Amino acid sequence: MARSSVMRRGAARRVVGGVVVGLAVAGLAACSGVQGSSPTPSWFADREPLSPCGSVTSAPGSDGALPADALACLAAGAHDGAELTVGSYITEGDLIVSYYRVGPGIDGIEVITDATRDAFGPREWRLDRCPDATSVTDLGTCAPAG
C-alpha cells in the first residue's frame, strides 16, 4: 500500500476520532447528572431541582473562564434557586463536572463535584458548602457538607 494512502487513512481516523470526542463532550454538556465510573449517589440524583443556568464545558488547556451570561444567571437565581453545570479538564485530560447551586436554604454557594472520571484523584462525589462565596469565581472558604 502506498505511503500517501496510509497517511490519508490515518488523518481520516484522527478527524473521525476528533468528531466522536467532540460529540461526547457536547453530550456531557447537555446533561446534568452524567455518571462517571462509580454510581451516582442518591443525594445527588434526588436533589431539589433548581432553575438551570445551562452547562459549560471548557476545552482542555483553556483558561476555564465562564460565560458572563451563565454567571449572571446564577447570581440572579440566588433568591429563587439556580444551578450551573461546569465541566473542566485536569492537566492529564480527565473530566471533572461541578454543579454550582444557589437559592433558598443554601447559604452562599453549594458545590457538588463529580470527580469519578479523574483517574488521578479520589474518584468520588463531593458536596461542599461555601457560605462566604460572592460568586463562582470567588467561593471564599468552603467546607465539606455532612
Protein backbone atom coordinates (compact mmCIF):
# COMPACT_ATOMS: atom_id res chain seq x y z
CA MET A 1 0.00 0.00 0.00
CA ALA A 2 1.31 3.44 -0.90
CA ARG A 3 2.56 5.57 1.96
CA SER A 4 0.31 8.50 0.99
CA SER A 5 -2.87 6.38 1.22
CA VAL A 6 -1.78 5.10 4.65
CA MET A 7 -1.19 8.71 5.76
CA ARG A 8 -4.61 9.81 4.42
CA ARG A 9 -6.30 6.94 6.27
CA GLY A 10 -4.52 7.92 9.50
CA ALA A 11 -5.59 11.54 9.07
CA ALA A 12 -9.18 10.45 8.42
CA ARG A 13 -9.14 8.37 11.62
CA ARG A 14 -7.90 11.37 13.60
CA VAL A 15 -10.69 13.55 12.16
CA VAL A 16 -13.34 10.93 12.91
CA GLY A 17 -11.88 10.42 16.40
CA GLY A 18 -11.96 14.17 17.00
CA VAL A 19 -15.59 14.34 15.90
CA VAL A 20 -16.50 11.46 18.24
CA VAL A 21 -14.71 13.12 21.19
CA GLY A 22 -16.37 16.44 20.35
CA LEU A 23 -19.80 14.82 20.28
CA ALA A 24 -19.13 13.09 23.60
CA VAL A 25 -18.15 16.40 25.24
CA ALA A 26 -21.21 18.10 23.74
CA GLY A 27 -23.39 15.29 25.09
CA LEU A 28 -21.92 15.76 28.56
CA ALA A 29 -22.54 19.46 28.44
CA ALA A 30 -26.17 18.83 27.56
CA CYS A 31 -26.72 16.53 30.52
CA SER A 32 -26.58 17.17 34.21
CA GLY A 33 -26.12 14.15 36.39
CA VAL A 34 -23.95 12.23 33.94
CA GLN A 35 -22.49 9.24 35.72
CA GLY A 36 -18.77 8.54 35.88
CA SER A 37 -17.12 5.28 36.90
CA SER A 38 -18.97 4.99 40.23
CA PRO A 39 -22.70 5.11 40.83
CA THR A 40 -24.44 8.45 41.12
CA PRO A 41 -25.27 8.93 44.82
CA SER A 42 -28.93 9.23 45.74
CA TRP A 43 -28.34 12.57 47.50
CA PHE A 44 -27.33 13.96 44.10
CA ALA A 45 -29.95 12.22 41.98
CA ASP A 46 -32.71 13.22 44.41
CA ARG A 47 -31.55 16.82 44.93
CA GLU A 48 -34.14 19.59 44.69
CA PRO A 49 -34.44 20.74 41.09
CA LEU A 50 -33.45 24.36 40.56
CA SER A 51 -33.73 26.62 37.52
CA PRO A 52 -30.96 25.62 35.10
CA CYS A 53 -28.32 28.14 34.10
CA GLY A 54 -27.01 25.76 31.47
CA SER A 55 -23.94 23.62 31.07
CA VAL A 56 -20.49 24.83 30.16
CA THR A 57 -17.52 22.62 29.32
CA SER A 58 -14.16 24.29 28.91
CA ALA A 59 -11.81 22.99 26.27
CA PRO A 60 -8.69 21.21 27.52
CA GLY A 61 -5.95 23.76 28.13
CA SER A 62 -8.32 26.74 28.19
CA ASP A 63 -8.33 29.32 30.97
CA GLY A 64 -11.67 27.98 32.23
CA ALA A 65 -13.35 31.38 32.11
CA LEU A 66 -17.12 31.05 32.37
CA PRO A 67 -19.52 32.94 30.10
CA ALA A 68 -20.89 36.14 31.62
CA ASP A 69 -24.49 35.10 30.92
CA ALA A 70 -24.05 31.85 32.88
CA LEU A 71 -22.59 33.74 35.85
CA ALA A 72 -25.37 36.34 35.66
CA CYS A 73 -28.00 33.58 35.60
CA LEU A 74 -26.59 32.04 38.75
CA ALA A 75 -26.38 35.41 40.52
CA ALA A 76 -29.96 36.24 39.52
CA GLY A 77 -31.14 32.87 40.83
CA ALA A 78 -29.93 33.43 44.38
CA HIS A 79 -33.46 34.24 45.59
CA ASP A 80 -35.49 31.53 43.78
CA GLY A 81 -32.76 28.94 43.13
CA ALA A 82 -30.47 28.18 40.19
CA GLU A 83 -27.85 25.63 39.16
CA LEU A 84 -24.93 25.91 36.74
CA THR A 85 -23.11 22.82 35.47
CA VAL A 86 -19.42 23.24 34.63
CA GLY A 87 -17.16 20.60 33.08
CA SER A 88 -13.41 21.14 33.26
CA TYR A 89 -10.41 19.07 32.29
CA ILE A 90 -7.49 18.39 34.60
CA THR A 91 -3.94 18.53 33.25
CA GLU A 92 -3.95 14.80 32.47
CA GLY A 93 -7.13 15.17 30.38
CA ASP A 94 -9.77 13.71 32.72
CA LEU A 95 -13.11 15.49 33.05
CA ILE A 96 -14.46 16.80 36.36
CA VAL A 97 -18.02 18.12 36.49
CA SER A 98 -19.12 20.64 39.11
CA TYR A 99 -22.65 21.80 39.88
CA TYR A 100 -22.90 25.27 41.43
CA ARG A 101 -26.18 25.81 43.28
CA VAL A 102 -27.75 28.88 44.88
CA GLY A 103 -31.17 29.55 46.35
CA PRO A 104 -33.42 29.27 49.37
CA GLY A 105 -31.88 27.18 52.11
CA ILE A 106 -28.39 27.44 50.57
CA ASP A 107 -26.01 29.72 52.44
CA GLY A 108 -23.70 31.20 49.79
CA ILE A 109 -22.98 28.64 47.07
CA GLU A 110 -23.23 24.87 47.24
CA VAL A 111 -20.75 22.99 45.05
CA ILE A 112 -21.31 19.38 44.05
CA THR A 113 -18.29 17.83 42.35
CA ASP A 114 -18.30 14.64 40.30
CA ALA A 115 -14.65 13.56 40.16
CA THR A 116 -15.44 9.93 39.32
CA ARG A 117 -13.71 10.24 35.93
CA ASP A 118 -10.47 11.56 37.47
CA ALA A 119 -8.08 8.62 37.26
CA PHE A 120 -5.52 10.61 39.27
CA GLY A 121 -7.85 11.62 42.12
CA PRO A 122 -10.19 10.03 44.63
CA ARG A 123 -12.89 9.13 42.02
CA GLU A 124 -15.69 10.34 44.22
CA TRP A 125 -18.67 12.67 44.51
CA ARG A 126 -18.32 15.57 46.93
CA LEU A 127 -20.64 18.20 48.37
CA ASP A 128 -19.10 21.43 49.68
CA ARG A 129 -20.81 24.46 51.15
CA CYS A 130 -19.27 27.87 50.59
CA PRO A 131 -21.10 30.35 52.87
CA ASP A 132 -18.63 33.19 52.17
CA ALA A 133 -18.94 32.88 48.37
CA THR A 134 -19.64 36.04 46.44
CA SER A 135 -19.59 34.26 43.05
CA VAL A 136 -18.46 31.05 41.36
CA THR A 137 -15.10 32.72 40.78
CA ASP A 138 -14.79 33.75 44.45
CA LEU A 139 -16.00 30.88 46.62
CA GLY A 140 -14.28 32.06 49.79
CA THR A 141 -13.90 29.29 52.37
CA CYS A 142 -15.72 26.04 51.59
CA ALA A 143 -16.26 23.05 53.83
CA PRO A 144 -17.46 19.52 53.14
CA ALA A 145 -21.14 19.04 53.93
CA GLY A 146 -22.10 16.47 56.47
